[in-house]
Amino acid sequence: MNRIITILLTCIAVIKVAYSFVDHHETARILGFEMNIWMYRLIWTFISIGFGYSAWKAKQNIKE
């Protein structure tokens, strides 16, 4: 169950980054803070990498 949630959160983060390229705004908000769109994309990219790595490690532990 934990692996499914991690994969779902990874997908959400990737979708947020992809949608930010379609939305064409100069700024975005995270937790009420307005920031440059590139900083927003960078934060969501790190989140997706973190959750993706976590899901990959969980998959590797299942195989062992």
Protein backbone atom coordinates (compact mmCIF):
# COMPACT_ATOMS: atom_id res chain seq x y z
CA MET A 1 0.00 0.00 0.00
CA ASN A 2 2.83 2.39 0.85
CA ARG A 3 4.43 1.80 -2.56
CA ILE A 4 1.17 2.64 -4.33
CA ILE A 5 0.88 5.94 -2.47
CA THR A 6 4.49 6.79 -3.29
CA ILE A 7 3.93 6.08 -6.99
CA LEU A 8 0.73 8.17 -6.93
CA LEU A 9 2.56 11.12 -5.34
CA THR A 10 5.33 10.79 -7.93
CA CYS A 11 2.76 10.98 -10.72
CA ILE A 12 1.11 14.03 -9.17
CA ALA A 13 4.46 15.83 -8.91
CA VAL A 14 5.33 15.03 -12.54
CA ILE A 15 1.91 16.24 -13.69
CA LYS A 16 2.36 19.51 -11.75
CA VAL A 17 5.70 20.15 -13.48
CA ALA A 18 4.29 19.29 -16.91
CA TYR A 19 1.20 21.46 -16.38
CA SER A 20 3.38 24.41 -15.35
CA PHE A 21 4.76 24.48 -18.91
CA VAL A 22 1.25 24.61 -20.36
CA ASP A 23 -0.13 27.19 -17.91
CA HIS A 24 2.19 30.07 -19.01
CA HIS A 25 2.26 32.00 -15.74
CA GLU A 26 5.33 33.87 -14.52
CA THR A 27 4.76 32.93 -10.87
CA ALA A 28 3.22 30.08 -8.90
CA ARG A 29 2.25 29.43 -5.29
CA ILE A 30 3.42 26.74 -2.90
CA LEU A 31 2.06 26.82 0.65
CA GLY A 32 0.88 30.39 0.13
CA PHE A 33 4.27 31.68 -1.00
CA GLU A 34 4.47 33.20 -4.46
CA MET A 35 7.65 32.30 -6.34
CA ASN A 36 9.23 32.31 -9.75
CA ILE A 37 7.86 29.57 -12.02
CA TRP A 38 11.31 28.02 -12.47
CA MET A 39 11.78 27.70 -8.71
CA TYR A 40 8.31 26.12 -8.55
CA ARG A 41 9.29 23.61 -11.24
CA LEU A 42 12.57 22.86 -9.50
CA ILE A 43 10.85 22.16 -6.18
CA TRP A 44 8.28 19.84 -7.76
CA THR A 45 11.03 18.11 -9.76
CA PHE A 46 12.95 17.37 -6.56
CA ILE A 47 9.76 16.10 -4.94
CA SER A 48 9.07 13.78 -7.89
CA ILE A 49 12.67 12.51 -7.88
CA GLY A 50 12.50 11.88 -4.14
CA PHE A 51 9.24 9.95 -4.30
CA GLY A 52 10.35 8.10 -7.43
CA TYR A 53 13.59 7.03 -5.77
CA SER A 54 11.65 5.90 -2.71
CA ALA A 55 9.33 3.78 -4.87
CA TRP A 56 12.30 2.32 -6.73
CA LYS A 57 14.04 1.39 -3.46
CA ALA A 58 10.83 -0.23 -2.18
CA LYS A 59 10.64 -2.27 -5.39
CA GLN A 60 14.26 -3.38 -4.96
CA ASN A 61 13.56 -4.47 -1.35
CA ILE A 62 10.62 -6.60 -2.50
CA LYS A 63 12.84 -8.46 -5.00
CA GLU A 64 15.41 -9.32 -2.32
